Amino acid sequence: MTVGTKMHQTLASLEGAAANIKTFALDTQDQTAKDMFTKLSQQLDGINQQLRGRLNYIEEQEPQYKMQQQ
């Protein structure tokens, strides 16, 4: 498995986790929990952006890591 493939899988997992946490924020009536979930989802969004930037850099510099389009 290439670095690019692993990064794509990691990004997909983190995006799924962020979506789940956003759902938790919407589903809860507890304002403290809602605030916590919102903050966590924002942090994950930031991490996703950083990883996406790194993945883009890797794919530009090392084309062999680019995912094959099907």
N, C-alpha and C. Protein backbone atom coordinates (compact mmCIF):
# COMPACT_ATOMS: atom_id res chain seq x y z
N MET A 1 0.85 -1.17 0.00
CA MET A 1 0.00 0.00 0.00
C MET A 1 0.90 1.24 0.00
N THR A 2 0.60 2.16 -0.88
CA THR A 2 1.43 3.36 -0.99
C THR A 2 1.05 4.39 0.07
N VAL A 3 1.94 5.35 0.25
CA VAL A 3 1.68 6.46 1.17
C VAL A 3 0.41 7.20 0.74
N GLY A 4 0.27 7.42 -0.56
CA GLY A 4 -0.91 8.11 -1.08
C GLY A 4 -2.20 7.38 -0.74
N THR A 5 -2.20 6.06 -0.91
CA THR A 5 -3.38 5.25 -0.60
C THR A 5 -3.71 5.34 0.89
N LYS A 6 -2.69 5.23 1.72
CA LYS A 6 -2.91 5.32 3.16
C LYS A 6 -3.46 6.68 3.56
N MET A 7 -2.96 7.73 2.92
CA MET A 7 -3.45 9.07 3.25
C MET A 7 -4.90 9.24 2.80
N HIS A 8 -5.24 8.71 1.64
CA HIS A 8 -6.63 8.79 1.17
C HIS A 8 -7.55 8.05 2.15
N GLN A 9 -7.13 6.90 2.62
CA GLN A 9 -7.93 6.13 3.57
C GLN A 9 -8.06 6.88 4.90
N THR A 10 -6.98 7.48 5.35
CA THR A 10 -7.01 8.24 6.59
C THR A 10 -7.95 9.43 6.48
N LEU A 11 -7.87 10.14 5.36
CA LEU A 11 -8.77 11.28 5.15
C LEU A 11 -10.22 10.84 5.13
N ALA A 12 -10.52 9.74 4.47
CA ALA A 12 -11.89 9.24 4.42
C ALA A 12 -12.39 8.89 5.83
N SER A 13 -11.54 8.26 6.61
CA SER A 13 -11.91 7.91 7.99
C SER A 13 -12.15 9.15 8.83
N LEU A 14 -11.27 10.13 8.71
CA LEU A 14 -11.42 11.36 9.49
C LEU A 14 -12.65 12.14 9.07
N GLU A 15 -12.95 12.16 7.77
CA GLU A 15 -14.15 12.85 7.30
C GLU A 15 -15.40 12.16 7.84
N GLY A 16 -15.38 10.83 7.91
CA GLY A 16 -16.50 10.09 8.49
C GLY A 16 -16.65 10.38 9.97
N ALA A 17 -15.53 10.43 10.68
CA ALA A 17 -15.57 10.75 12.11
C ALA A 17 -16.11 12.15 12.33
N ALA A 18 -15.68 13.10 11.53
CA ALA A 18 -16.16 14.48 11.66
C ALA A 18 -17.67 14.54 11.41
N ALA A 19 -18.15 13.80 10.42
CA ALA A 19 -19.59 13.78 10.14
C ALA A 19 -20.37 13.18 11.30
N ASN A 20 -19.83 12.11 11.89
CA ASN A 20 -20.49 11.51 13.05
C ASN A 20 -20.57 12.49 14.22
N ILE A 21 -19.48 13.17 14.47
CA ILE A 21 -19.45 14.12 15.59
C ILE A 21 -20.42 15.27 15.34
N LYS A 22 -20.52 15.72 14.10
CA LYS A 22 -21.49 16.78 13.78
C LYS A 22 -22.91 16.29 14.03
N THR A 23 -23.16 15.02 13.73
CA THR A 23 -24.48 14.44 13.99
C THR A 23 -24.74 14.39 15.49
N PHE A 24 -23.73 14.03 16.28
CA PHE A 24 -23.90 14.03 17.73
C PHE A 24 -24.29 15.41 18.22
N ALA A 25 -23.66 16.43 17.68
CA ALA A 25 -23.96 17.81 18.08
C ALA A 25 -25.41 18.16 17.77
N LEU A 26 -25.90 17.69 16.64
CA LEU A 26 -27.28 17.98 16.26
C LEU A 26 -28.29 17.19 17.09
N ASP A 27 -27.89 15.98 17.49
CA ASP A 27 -28.82 15.08 18.19
C ASP A 27 -28.97 15.36 19.68
N THR A 28 -27.99 16.02 20.28
CA THR A 28 -28.04 16.21 21.73
C THR A 28 -28.79 17.48 22.10
N GLN A 29 -29.43 17.44 23.26
CA GLN A 29 -30.10 18.62 23.81
C GLN A 29 -29.22 19.32 24.84
N ASP A 30 -28.16 18.63 25.27
CA ASP A 30 -27.24 19.16 26.28
C ASP A 30 -26.32 20.19 25.62
N GLN A 31 -26.43 21.45 26.02
CA GLN A 31 -25.67 22.51 25.37
C GLN A 31 -24.17 22.34 25.56
N THR A 32 -23.75 21.83 26.72
CA THR A 32 -22.32 21.61 26.95
C THR A 32 -21.78 20.56 25.98
N ALA A 33 -22.53 19.48 25.83
CA ALA A 33 -22.11 18.42 24.89
C ALA A 33 -22.14 18.95 23.46
N LYS A 34 -23.17 19.72 23.12
CA LYS A 34 -23.28 20.29 21.77
C LYS A 34 -22.06 21.15 21.45
N ASP A 35 -21.67 22.00 22.42
CA ASP A 35 -20.50 22.85 22.24
C ASP A 35 -19.23 22.02 22.06
N MET A 36 -19.10 20.97 22.87
CA MET A 36 -17.93 20.11 22.79
C MET A 36 -17.86 19.42 21.42
N PHE A 37 -18.99 18.86 20.97
CA PHE A 37 -19.01 18.18 19.68
C PHE A 37 -18.72 19.15 18.54
N THR A 38 -19.25 20.34 18.63
CA THR A 38 -19.01 21.34 17.59
C THR A 38 -17.53 21.70 17.53
N LYS A 39 -16.93 21.90 18.70
CA LYS A 39 -15.50 22.23 18.75
C LYS A 39 -14.66 21.09 18.19
N LEU A 40 -15.00 19.86 18.57
CA LEU A 40 -14.25 18.71 18.07
C LEU A 40 -14.38 18.57 16.55
N SER A 41 -15.56 18.79 16.03
CA SER A 41 -15.74 18.67 14.58
C SER A 41 -14.95 19.76 13.85
N GLN A 42 -14.87 20.95 14.43
CA GLN A 42 -14.08 22.02 13.82
C GLN A 42 -12.59 21.66 13.83
N GLN A 43 -12.14 21.05 14.92
CA GLN A 43 -10.74 20.62 14.99
C GLN A 43 -10.46 19.55 13.93
N LEU A 44 -11.37 18.60 13.78
CA LEU A 44 -11.19 17.57 12.77
C LEU A 44 -11.20 18.16 11.36
N ASP A 45 -12.05 19.15 11.13
CA ASP A 45 -12.06 19.81 9.82
C ASP A 45 -10.70 20.46 9.54
N GLY A 46 -10.10 21.07 10.56
CA GLY A 46 -8.77 21.67 10.39
C GLY A 46 -7.71 20.62 10.09
N ILE A 47 -7.78 19.51 10.79
CA ILE A 47 -6.83 18.42 10.55
C ILE A 47 -7.02 17.88 9.14
N ASN A 48 -8.27 17.72 8.72
CA ASN A 48 -8.54 17.24 7.37
C ASN A 48 -7.95 18.18 6.32
N GLN A 49 -8.09 19.48 6.54
CA GLN A 49 -7.54 20.46 5.60
C GLN A 49 -6.02 20.33 5.51
N GLN A 50 -5.37 20.19 6.66
CA GLN A 50 -3.91 20.06 6.67
C GLN A 50 -3.47 18.79 5.95
N LEU A 51 -4.16 17.68 6.23
CA LEU A 51 -3.80 16.43 5.57
C LEU A 51 -4.08 16.49 4.07
N ARG A 52 -5.16 17.12 3.69
CA ARG A 52 -5.49 17.27 2.27
C ARG A 52 -4.39 18.06 1.57
N GLY A 53 -3.93 19.14 2.22
CA GLY A 53 -2.83 19.93 1.66
C GLY A 53 -1.57 19.10 1.50
N ARG A 54 -1.27 18.31 2.51
CA ARG A 54 -0.08 17.46 2.44
C ARG A 54 -0.22 16.42 1.33
N LEU A 55 -1.41 15.83 1.22
CA LEU A 55 -1.65 14.83 0.19
C LEU A 55 -1.50 15.46 -1.20
N ASN A 56 -2.03 16.64 -1.38
CA ASN A 56 -1.89 17.33 -2.66
C ASN A 56 -0.41 17.57 -2.98
N TYR A 57 0.35 17.98 -1.97
CA TYR A 57 1.78 18.21 -2.17
C TYR A 57 2.48 16.91 -2.57
N ILE A 58 2.19 15.84 -1.85
CA ILE A 58 2.81 14.55 -2.14
C ILE A 58 2.50 14.11 -3.58
N GLU A 59 1.24 14.27 -3.97
CA GLU A 59 0.84 13.82 -5.31
C GLU A 59 1.47 14.68 -6.40
N GLU A 60 1.72 15.96 -6.11
CA GLU A 60 2.39 16.82 -7.08
C GLU A 60 3.87 16.46 -7.19
N GLN A 61 4.51 16.20 -6.07
CA GLN A 61 5.94 15.93 -6.04
C GLN A 61 6.28 14.49 -6.42
N GLU A 62 5.39 13.59 -6.07
CA GLU A 62 5.63 12.16 -6.30
C GLU A 62 4.42 11.55 -7.01
N PRO A 63 4.34 11.68 -8.33
CA PRO A 63 3.15 11.23 -9.06
C PRO A 63 2.80 9.77 -8.85
N GLN A 64 3.77 8.95 -8.49
CA GLN A 64 3.47 7.53 -8.28
C GLN A 64 2.52 7.31 -7.09
N TYR A 65 2.39 8.31 -6.20
CA TYR A 65 1.49 8.18 -5.07
C TYR A 65 0.06 8.59 -5.40
N LYS A 66 -0.14 9.15 -6.57
CA LYS A 66 -1.49 9.58 -6.98
C LYS A 66 -2.37 8.35 -7.15
N MET A 67 -3.58 8.44 -6.60
CA MET A 67 -4.53 7.33 -6.72
C MET A 67 -4.89 7.14 -8.18
N GLN A 68 -4.96 5.90 -8.60
CA GLN A 68 -5.35 5.59 -9.97
C GLN A 68 -6.85 5.82 -10.11
N GLN A 69 -7.24 6.59 -11.11
CA GLN A 69 -8.67 6.81 -11.34
C GLN A 69 -9.24 5.60 -12.06
N GLN A 70 -10.44 5.23 -11.62
CA GLN A 70 -11.03 4.00 -12.18
C GLN A 70 -12.11 4.31 -13.16
